[in-house]
N, C-alpha and C. Protein backbone atom coordinates (compact mmCIF):
# COMPACT_ATOMS: atom_id res chain seq x y z
N MET A 1 -34.54 12.27 26.78
CA MET A 1 -35.39 12.88 27.79
C MET A 1 -34.69 12.92 29.13
N ASN A 2 -34.04 11.82 29.53
CA ASN A 2 -33.34 11.79 30.82
C ASN A 2 -32.25 12.84 30.87
N GLY A 3 -31.48 13.00 29.80
CA GLY A 3 -30.44 14.01 29.73
C GLY A 3 -31.01 15.41 29.85
N GLU A 4 -32.19 15.63 29.22
CA GLU A 4 -32.83 16.93 29.32
C GLU A 4 -33.27 17.22 30.74
N ARG A 5 -33.79 16.23 31.41
CA ARG A 5 -34.25 16.43 32.79
C ARG A 5 -33.07 16.74 33.71
N MET A 6 -31.92 16.05 33.48
CA MET A 6 -30.75 16.31 34.30
C MET A 6 -30.28 17.76 34.11
N LYS A 7 -30.36 18.27 32.86
CA LYS A 7 -29.97 19.65 32.60
C LYS A 7 -30.91 20.60 33.32
N GLU A 8 -32.20 20.26 33.38
CA GLU A 8 -33.18 21.11 34.05
C GLU A 8 -32.93 21.16 35.56
N ASP A 9 -32.45 20.08 36.14
CA ASP A 9 -32.24 20.02 37.57
C ASP A 9 -30.96 20.73 37.99
N LYS A 10 -30.12 21.10 37.04
CA LYS A 10 -28.84 21.76 37.32
C LYS A 10 -28.97 23.25 37.04
N PHE A 11 -28.20 24.02 37.79
CA PHE A 11 -28.10 25.44 37.48
C PHE A 11 -26.75 25.95 37.93
N LYS A 12 -26.39 27.13 37.47
CA LYS A 12 -25.07 27.69 37.74
C LYS A 12 -25.15 28.63 38.93
N ILE A 13 -24.19 28.45 39.86
CA ILE A 13 -24.01 29.40 40.94
C ILE A 13 -22.56 29.86 40.90
N HIS A 14 -22.28 30.93 41.60
CA HIS A 14 -20.92 31.42 41.75
C HIS A 14 -20.63 31.49 43.23
N VAL A 15 -19.54 30.87 43.63
CA VAL A 15 -19.11 30.96 45.03
C VAL A 15 -17.76 31.68 45.05
N ASN A 16 -17.48 32.31 46.17
CA ASN A 16 -16.22 33.02 46.35
C ASN A 16 -15.46 32.30 47.45
N VAL A 17 -14.35 31.69 47.09
CA VAL A 17 -13.54 30.95 48.06
C VAL A 17 -12.15 31.60 48.08
N GLY A 18 -11.85 32.23 49.19
CA GLY A 18 -10.54 32.85 49.35
C GLY A 18 -10.23 33.90 48.31
N GLY A 19 -11.26 34.61 47.87
CA GLY A 19 -11.06 35.65 46.87
C GLY A 19 -11.14 35.16 45.44
N PHE A 20 -11.35 33.88 45.24
CA PHE A 20 -11.48 33.31 43.90
C PHE A 20 -12.96 33.04 43.63
N ARG A 21 -13.45 33.57 42.52
CA ARG A 21 -14.85 33.35 42.13
C ARG A 21 -14.91 32.07 41.32
N LEU A 22 -15.71 31.13 41.79
CA LEU A 22 -15.81 29.83 41.14
C LEU A 22 -17.22 29.63 40.58
N PRO A 23 -17.37 29.45 39.27
CA PRO A 23 -18.68 29.11 38.71
C PRO A 23 -18.88 27.59 38.81
N LEU A 24 -20.03 27.20 39.30
CA LEU A 24 -20.31 25.77 39.48
C LEU A 24 -21.69 25.44 38.92
N ASP A 25 -21.79 24.30 38.25
CA ASP A 25 -23.08 23.75 37.84
C ASP A 25 -23.47 22.70 38.85
N ILE A 26 -24.57 22.95 39.57
CA ILE A 26 -24.97 22.06 40.67
C ILE A 26 -26.44 21.72 40.58
N SER A 27 -26.84 20.71 41.33
CA SER A 27 -28.26 20.38 41.46
C SER A 27 -28.93 21.42 42.35
N ARG A 28 -30.12 21.78 42.01
CA ARG A 28 -30.84 22.79 42.79
C ARG A 28 -30.99 22.38 44.25
N ASP A 29 -31.21 21.10 44.50
CA ASP A 29 -31.44 20.66 45.87
C ASP A 29 -30.16 20.63 46.71
N GLU A 30 -29.01 20.90 46.09
CA GLU A 30 -27.75 20.92 46.84
C GLU A 30 -27.18 22.32 47.01
N GLU A 31 -27.93 23.34 46.64
CA GLU A 31 -27.39 24.70 46.73
C GLU A 31 -26.98 25.05 48.16
N ALA A 32 -27.79 24.70 49.13
CA ALA A 32 -27.47 25.04 50.52
C ALA A 32 -26.15 24.38 50.96
N ILE A 33 -25.90 23.18 50.49
CA ILE A 33 -24.65 22.49 50.82
C ILE A 33 -23.46 23.28 50.28
N TYR A 34 -23.55 23.70 49.03
CA TYR A 34 -22.46 24.45 48.43
C TYR A 34 -22.27 25.82 49.09
N ARG A 35 -23.36 26.48 49.44
CA ARG A 35 -23.26 27.78 50.11
C ARG A 35 -22.66 27.62 51.51
N ASP A 36 -23.07 26.59 52.23
CA ASP A 36 -22.50 26.34 53.55
C ASP A 36 -21.02 25.98 53.47
N ALA A 37 -20.66 25.21 52.44
CA ALA A 37 -19.25 24.86 52.25
C ALA A 37 -18.42 26.12 51.98
N GLU A 38 -18.96 27.02 51.19
CA GLU A 38 -18.28 28.30 50.91
C GLU A 38 -18.01 29.05 52.22
N LYS A 39 -19.01 29.13 53.08
CA LYS A 39 -18.87 29.83 54.36
C LYS A 39 -17.84 29.13 55.26
N THR A 40 -17.88 27.80 55.29
CA THR A 40 -16.95 27.04 56.12
C THR A 40 -15.51 27.25 55.68
N VAL A 41 -15.26 27.13 54.38
CA VAL A 41 -13.90 27.29 53.87
C VAL A 41 -13.41 28.71 54.12
N ASN A 42 -14.24 29.70 53.86
CA ASN A 42 -13.81 31.08 54.06
C ASN A 42 -13.56 31.39 55.53
N ALA A 43 -14.34 30.80 56.43
CA ALA A 43 -14.10 31.00 57.86
C ALA A 43 -12.77 30.38 58.28
N LEU A 44 -12.48 29.18 57.79
CA LEU A 44 -11.20 28.54 58.10
C LEU A 44 -10.03 29.32 57.51
N LEU A 45 -10.18 29.78 56.27
CA LEU A 45 -9.13 30.58 55.65
C LEU A 45 -8.85 31.83 56.48
N ALA A 46 -9.89 32.50 56.91
CA ALA A 46 -9.72 33.72 57.70
C ALA A 46 -9.02 33.42 59.02
N ARG A 47 -9.39 32.32 59.65
CA ARG A 47 -8.76 31.95 60.92
C ARG A 47 -7.27 31.66 60.73
N TYR A 48 -6.94 30.89 59.70
CA TYR A 48 -5.53 30.58 59.45
C TYR A 48 -4.75 31.83 59.03
N GLN A 49 -5.38 32.72 58.28
CA GLN A 49 -4.71 33.95 57.87
C GLN A 49 -4.39 34.82 59.08
N GLN A 50 -5.29 34.85 60.06
CA GLN A 50 -5.04 35.62 61.27
C GLN A 50 -3.94 35.00 62.12
N ARG A 51 -3.97 33.70 62.26
CA ARG A 51 -2.99 33.01 63.10
C ARG A 51 -1.60 32.93 62.47
N HIS A 52 -1.57 32.82 61.14
CA HIS A 52 -0.31 32.60 60.43
C HIS A 52 -0.14 33.65 59.34
N ASP A 53 -0.17 34.92 59.71
CA ASP A 53 -0.12 35.98 58.71
C ASP A 53 1.21 36.05 57.96
N GLN A 54 2.24 35.38 58.45
CA GLN A 54 3.53 35.37 57.77
C GLN A 54 3.60 34.30 56.68
N ARG A 55 2.62 33.42 56.61
CA ARG A 55 2.64 32.34 55.62
C ARG A 55 2.04 32.80 54.29
N SER A 56 2.43 32.11 53.23
CA SER A 56 1.93 32.45 51.89
C SER A 56 0.47 32.01 51.75
N ALA A 57 -0.17 32.56 50.74
CA ALA A 57 -1.56 32.19 50.45
C ALA A 57 -1.67 30.70 50.17
N GLU A 58 -0.68 30.15 49.46
CA GLU A 58 -0.70 28.72 49.14
C GLU A 58 -0.64 27.88 50.41
N GLU A 59 0.18 28.29 51.37
CA GLU A 59 0.27 27.54 52.63
C GLU A 59 -1.04 27.64 53.41
N ILE A 60 -1.67 28.80 53.38
CA ILE A 60 -2.96 28.97 54.07
C ILE A 60 -4.01 28.07 53.43
N PHE A 61 -4.05 28.02 52.10
CA PHE A 61 -4.99 27.13 51.41
C PHE A 61 -4.69 25.67 51.75
N MET A 62 -3.43 25.31 51.80
CA MET A 62 -3.05 23.92 52.12
C MET A 62 -3.48 23.57 53.54
N LEU A 63 -3.23 24.47 54.50
CA LEU A 63 -3.64 24.21 55.88
C LEU A 63 -5.16 24.04 55.98
N THR A 64 -5.88 24.88 55.26
CA THR A 64 -7.35 24.80 55.25
C THR A 64 -7.82 23.49 54.64
N ALA A 65 -7.24 23.11 53.51
CA ALA A 65 -7.63 21.85 52.86
C ALA A 65 -7.33 20.67 53.77
N TYR A 66 -6.18 20.71 54.42
CA TYR A 66 -5.82 19.61 55.31
C TYR A 66 -6.77 19.54 56.50
N GLN A 67 -7.11 20.66 57.09
CA GLN A 67 -8.05 20.69 58.22
C GLN A 67 -9.40 20.10 57.80
N LEU A 68 -9.87 20.46 56.62
CA LEU A 68 -11.14 19.92 56.13
C LEU A 68 -11.05 18.42 55.86
N ALA A 69 -9.91 17.95 55.35
CA ALA A 69 -9.73 16.52 55.10
C ALA A 69 -9.72 15.74 56.42
N VAL A 70 -9.07 16.29 57.44
CA VAL A 70 -9.07 15.64 58.75
C VAL A 70 -10.49 15.57 59.31
N ALA A 71 -11.23 16.65 59.20
CA ALA A 71 -12.62 16.67 59.68
C ALA A 71 -13.47 15.65 58.92
N LEU A 72 -13.25 15.55 57.62
CA LEU A 72 -13.99 14.58 56.81
C LEU A 72 -13.66 13.15 57.23
N GLN A 73 -12.39 12.87 57.49
CA GLN A 73 -11.99 11.53 57.93
C GLN A 73 -12.59 11.20 59.29
N ARG A 74 -12.57 12.17 60.20
CA ARG A 74 -13.18 11.94 61.52
C ARG A 74 -14.66 11.61 61.37
N GLN A 75 -15.34 12.38 60.56
CA GLN A 75 -16.77 12.17 60.34
C GLN A 75 -17.03 10.81 59.71
N ALA A 76 -16.24 10.45 58.72
CA ALA A 76 -16.42 9.16 58.04
C ALA A 76 -16.21 8.00 59.00
N ARG A 77 -15.19 8.08 59.81
CA ARG A 77 -14.92 6.99 60.76
C ARG A 77 -15.97 6.93 61.86
N HIS A 78 -16.38 8.08 62.32
CA HIS A 78 -17.40 8.12 63.38
C HIS A 78 -18.73 7.59 62.85
N THR A 79 -19.10 8.03 61.68
CA THR A 79 -20.37 7.65 61.09
C THR A 79 -20.41 6.17 60.77
N SER A 80 -19.36 5.65 60.17
CA SER A 80 -19.40 4.27 59.72
C SER A 80 -19.12 3.27 60.84
N ALA A 81 -18.40 3.67 61.87
CA ALA A 81 -18.03 2.74 62.94
C ALA A 81 -19.16 2.53 63.95
N ASP A 82 -19.94 3.53 64.23
CA ASP A 82 -20.96 3.43 65.26
C ASP A 82 -21.98 2.31 65.02
N PRO A 83 -22.59 2.21 63.86
CA PRO A 83 -23.55 1.13 63.64
C PRO A 83 -22.91 -0.25 63.75
N VAL A 84 -21.69 -0.38 63.27
CA VAL A 84 -21.00 -1.67 63.34
C VAL A 84 -20.73 -2.04 64.80
N GLU A 85 -20.23 -1.09 65.56
CA GLU A 85 -19.95 -1.34 66.97
C GLU A 85 -21.23 -1.71 67.73
N ARG A 86 -22.31 -1.00 67.44
CA ARG A 86 -23.59 -1.30 68.08
C ARG A 86 -24.04 -2.72 67.77
N LYS A 87 -23.95 -3.08 66.50
CA LYS A 87 -24.38 -4.41 66.06
C LYS A 87 -23.50 -5.49 66.70
N LEU A 88 -22.18 -5.25 66.75
CA LEU A 88 -21.29 -6.22 67.39
C LEU A 88 -21.62 -6.38 68.87
N ARG A 89 -21.91 -5.29 69.53
CA ARG A 89 -22.30 -5.36 70.93
C ARG A 89 -23.58 -6.18 71.11
N GLN A 90 -24.56 -5.94 70.24
CA GLN A 90 -25.82 -6.68 70.31
C GLN A 90 -25.58 -8.17 70.07
N LEU A 91 -24.78 -8.48 69.07
CA LEU A 91 -24.50 -9.88 68.78
C LEU A 91 -23.75 -10.55 69.93
N SER A 92 -22.81 -9.84 70.52
CA SER A 92 -22.07 -10.37 71.66
C SER A 92 -22.99 -10.65 72.83
N GLU A 93 -23.90 -9.73 73.10
CA GLU A 93 -24.86 -9.92 74.17
C GLU A 93 -25.77 -11.12 73.89
N GLU A 94 -26.17 -11.26 72.64
CA GLU A 94 -27.02 -12.38 72.24
C GLU A 94 -26.28 -13.71 72.41
N VAL A 95 -25.01 -13.76 72.01
CA VAL A 95 -24.21 -14.97 72.18
C VAL A 95 -24.06 -15.29 73.66
N ASP A 96 -23.75 -14.27 74.47
CA ASP A 96 -23.62 -14.50 75.91
C ASP A 96 -24.90 -15.03 76.51
N ARG A 97 -26.04 -14.48 76.08
CA ARG A 97 -27.35 -14.93 76.60
C ARG A 97 -27.60 -16.38 76.19
N LEU A 98 -27.32 -16.72 74.93
CA LEU A 98 -27.55 -18.07 74.46
C LEU A 98 -26.63 -19.07 75.16
N LEU A 99 -25.40 -18.70 75.42
CA LEU A 99 -24.46 -19.58 76.10
C LEU A 99 -24.81 -19.79 77.57
N SER A 100 -25.47 -18.82 78.16
CA SER A 100 -25.81 -18.96 79.59
C SER A 100 -27.08 -19.77 79.80
N GLU A 101 -27.82 -20.07 78.76
CA GLU A 101 -29.04 -20.86 78.91
C GLU A 101 -28.77 -22.33 79.07
């Protein structure tokens, strides 16, 4: 039954990335994420193609993938570091307050 439900929650979409049609089986609730990703990648590809029209398609794809990986790393570090820094600041303030009493 669980396997059947998982199949029901999935469906096939087709995205076009850099002229390549990709069939994907995804969760229905994630369709917007995949569609937005398609738009983001295609926008970056177009930008790199305009700026570096002398480069091969493979180089353009590599530049795009690298740019997305850098953005992902920035987001991961920003997202994960902020709560820790906040908590450390709070703990430091608490220690300072306790020591001054």
